[in-house]
Amino acid sequence: MQKNDSLRIALISILGVTAVFVAAGWLAYASGWIGFKGAAAQSAEERLKAERTKRSDEDITLICEANYTMPGNTLDAPPKEYKEMMAAGLDYKTMAGWYQGVFSISESRKGVMVVKGNKATVSRPAMFERFGTMVTSEQFTLDRGTGAFLQSLTIKDGSKIEIVKGYCGKLTKAPF
């Protein structure tokens, strides 16, 4: 008789522990702590939405090594080439951006940012004469995946002049 009671108690204990584990697993699944879909099963749209949410309040500052190719007094003149370091920034909350350079989109007059995947494009209208022609807008693109930076000017006939090419990395400020 005692053997049956011990067996019955052991069986009830095993069922109780199993029920607790099943309930805990169900709660973890329902809360989103665990899932049965792998990363491969997630759609491209869901990944893009998650990436936008992750960056939605991000304001980043970058340091860039840039290669300038500046035209002379006219577009036909040989270009002046040199390297320079510069800073750039992207603000995902306000969807604006800036960079410091010869034809800068300044921090005080940021350009409008459009994001497609990893590529952020910042542009701003302009009206000034340079290289013997009228410049109508200035823009830059930054690929967050590779760090590639490209700044260009649009002139009155609609063509673009690439002024700056380079690579940027996130600026990490010391904790003091």
Protein backbone atom coordinates (compact mmCIF):
# COMPACT_ATOMS: atom_id res chain seq x y z
CA MET A 1 0.00 0.00 0.00
CA GLN A 2 2.82 2.44 0.79
CA LYS A 3 4.50 1.72 -2.51
CA ASN A 4 1.35 2.76 -4.42
CA ASP A 5 1.05 5.95 -2.34
CA SER A 6 4.71 6.84 -3.05
CA LEU A 7 4.23 6.18 -6.75
CA ARG A 8 1.03 8.27 -6.80
CA ILE A 9 2.78 11.18 -5.02
CA ALA A 10 5.75 11.01 -7.43
CA LEU A 11 3.40 10.99 -10.43
CA ILE A 12 1.41 13.95 -9.11
CA SER A 13 4.67 15.85 -8.44
CA ILE A 14 5.95 15.19 -11.97
CA LEU A 15 2.62 16.33 -13.47
CA GLY A 16 2.63 19.46 -11.29
CA VAL A 17 6.19 20.41 -12.27
CA THR A 18 5.40 19.75 -15.95
CA ALA A 19 2.27 21.94 -15.73
CA VAL A 20 4.31 24.77 -14.18
CA PHE A 21 6.91 24.56 -16.98
CA VAL A 22 4.23 24.47 -19.70
CA ALA A 23 2.45 27.47 -18.18
CA ALA A 24 5.73 29.41 -17.86
CA GLY A 25 6.64 28.61 -21.47
CA TRP A 26 3.22 29.68 -22.72
CA LEU A 27 3.46 32.97 -20.78
CA ALA A 28 6.97 33.61 -22.16
CA TYR A 29 5.74 32.93 -25.72
CA ALA A 30 2.62 35.11 -25.27
CA SER A 31 4.74 37.95 -23.84
CA GLY A 32 7.10 37.81 -26.81
CA TRP A 33 10.12 36.71 -24.78
CA ILE A 34 10.56 33.62 -26.93
CA GLY A 35 9.40 32.77 -30.42
CA PHE A 36 9.39 29.84 -32.73
CA LYS A 37 10.05 31.79 -35.94
CA GLY A 38 13.68 32.11 -36.91
CA ALA A 39 15.25 35.26 -38.32
CA ALA A 40 14.92 33.79 -41.81
CA ALA A 41 11.13 33.58 -41.43
CA GLN A 42 10.84 37.29 -40.63
CA SER A 43 9.76 39.32 -43.64
CA ALA A 44 11.87 42.12 -45.07
CA GLU A 45 9.14 44.59 -44.16
CA GLU A 46 9.18 43.51 -40.49
CA ARG A 47 12.98 43.85 -40.37
CA LEU A 48 12.80 47.33 -41.93
CA LYS A 49 10.10 48.38 -39.45
CA ALA A 50 12.21 47.11 -36.54
CA GLU A 51 15.27 48.98 -37.87
CA ARG A 52 13.29 52.23 -38.19
CA THR A 53 11.91 51.82 -34.68
CA LYS A 54 15.40 51.18 -33.34
CA ARG A 55 16.73 54.34 -35.01
CA SER A 56 13.62 56.50 -34.56
CA ASP A 57 15.07 58.59 -31.75
CA GLU A 58 18.73 58.33 -32.69
CA ASP A 59 20.86 61.43 -33.15
CA ILE A 60 24.35 60.45 -34.30
CA THR A 61 27.52 62.42 -34.92
CA LEU A 62 30.10 61.07 -37.35
CA ILE A 63 33.71 61.89 -38.11
CA CYS A 64 34.63 61.57 -41.78
CA GLU A 65 37.81 61.38 -43.82
CA ALA A 66 36.96 63.17 -47.04
CA ASN A 67 38.56 63.54 -50.46
CA TYR A 68 37.62 66.88 -52.01
CA THR A 69 37.58 67.42 -55.79
CA MET A 70 36.88 71.11 -56.20
CA PRO A 71 36.44 72.56 -59.71
CA GLY A 72 38.38 75.73 -60.52
CA ASN A 73 36.78 79.04 -61.40
CA THR A 74 34.73 77.28 -64.11
CA LEU A 75 33.59 73.70 -64.55
CA ASP A 76 36.11 73.24 -67.39
CA ALA A 77 39.11 74.19 -65.19
CA PRO A 78 41.25 71.41 -63.70
CA PRO A 79 39.98 70.42 -60.23
CA LYS A 80 41.86 71.03 -57.01
CA GLU A 81 42.12 67.80 -54.98
CA TYR A 82 42.88 67.48 -51.27
CA LYS A 83 41.96 65.48 -48.14
CA GLU A 84 40.33 66.81 -45.01
CA MET A 85 38.58 65.56 -41.87
CA MET A 86 35.04 66.75 -41.20
CA ALA A 87 32.03 66.07 -38.99
CA ALA A 88 28.52 65.05 -40.05
CA GLY A 89 25.31 64.29 -38.23
CA LEU A 90 22.00 62.53 -38.74
CA ASP A 91 18.94 63.10 -36.56
CA TYR A 92 16.32 60.38 -37.08
CA LYS A 93 13.83 62.05 -34.74
CA THR A 94 13.57 65.25 -36.84
CA MET A 95 14.61 63.53 -40.11
CA ALA A 96 17.34 66.11 -40.70
CA GLY A 97 21.09 66.05 -41.27
CA TRP A 98 24.16 68.25 -41.56
CA TYR A 99 27.85 68.18 -42.38
CA GLN A 100 30.77 70.56 -42.10
CA GLY A 101 32.72 71.30 -45.24
CA VAL A 102 33.30 73.77 -48.03
CA PHE A 103 29.64 73.72 -49.14
CA SER A 104 28.28 72.68 -45.77
CA ILE A 105 24.75 71.91 -44.75
CA SER A 106 25.25 73.44 -41.32
CA GLU A 107 23.93 72.36 -37.93
CA SER A 108 21.96 75.62 -37.72
CA ARG A 109 20.38 75.14 -41.21
CA LYS A 110 20.01 71.37 -41.48
CA GLY A 111 18.83 69.65 -44.63
CA VAL A 112 15.85 67.33 -44.98
CA MET A 113 16.72 63.63 -44.66
CA VAL A 114 15.16 60.74 -46.57
CA VAL A 115 16.11 57.18 -45.55
CA LYS A 116 15.94 54.14 -47.84
CA GLY A 117 17.41 51.05 -46.20
CA ASN A 118 20.88 51.89 -44.91
CA LYS A 119 21.23 54.97 -47.14
CA ALA A 120 20.37 58.41 -45.75
CA THR A 121 20.11 61.29 -48.24
CA VAL A 122 20.15 64.85 -46.90
CA SER A 123 19.37 67.78 -49.22
CA ARG A 124 18.70 71.49 -49.06
CA PRO A 125 17.82 74.03 -51.76
CA ALA A 126 20.45 76.63 -52.58
CA MET A 127 20.82 79.72 -54.75
CA PHE A 128 24.39 80.85 -55.20
CA GLU A 129 26.77 81.21 -58.10
CA ARG A 130 29.95 79.17 -58.18
CA PHE A 131 32.17 77.74 -60.96
CA GLY A 132 30.57 80.11 -63.47
CA THR A 133 27.07 78.66 -62.99
CA MET A 134 24.13 78.81 -60.55
CA VAL A 135 23.97 76.11 -57.83
CA THR A 136 20.34 75.17 -57.10
CA SER A 137 20.73 72.54 -54.36
CA GLU A 138 23.27 70.77 -52.21
CA GLN A 139 22.98 67.22 -50.96
CA PHE A 140 24.90 64.34 -49.44
CA THR A 141 24.32 60.64 -48.99
CA LEU A 142 25.62 58.44 -46.22
CA ASP A 143 25.47 54.66 -46.33
CA ARG A 144 25.19 53.51 -42.70
CA GLY A 145 26.22 50.00 -43.72
CA THR A 146 29.55 50.92 -45.32
CA GLY A 147 30.15 54.46 -44.01
CA ALA A 148 30.45 55.81 -47.59
CA PHE A 149 29.85 59.58 -47.82
CA LEU A 150 29.16 61.45 -51.07
CA GLN A 151 28.41 65.18 -51.29
CA SER A 152 27.28 66.83 -54.50
CA LEU A 153 25.87 70.08 -55.86
CA THR A 154 23.06 70.36 -58.41
CA ILE A 155 23.51 73.14 -60.94
CA LYS A 156 20.86 75.03 -62.90
CA ASP A 157 20.82 72.60 -65.87
CA GLY A 158 20.00 69.72 -63.47
CA SER A 159 23.39 68.01 -63.59
CA LYS A 160 25.27 67.10 -60.42
CA ILE A 161 28.87 67.84 -59.50
CA GLU A 162 30.43 65.46 -56.99
CA ILE A 163 32.58 67.50 -54.61
CA VAL A 164 33.34 65.21 -51.66
CA LYS A 165 33.80 61.44 -51.34
CA GLY A 166 34.87 59.73 -48.18
CA TYR A 167 34.11 57.40 -45.31
CA CYS A 168 32.56 58.16 -41.94
CA GLY A 169 32.47 56.41 -38.60
CA LYS A 170 30.42 57.04 -35.50
CA LEU A 171 32.05 59.53 -33.14
CA THR A 172 32.35 58.11 -29.64
CA LYS A 173 32.70 60.76 -26.98
CA ALA A 174 34.77 60.03 -23.90
CA PRO A 175 32.80 59.72 -20.65
CA PHE A 176 34.30 62.76 -18.88
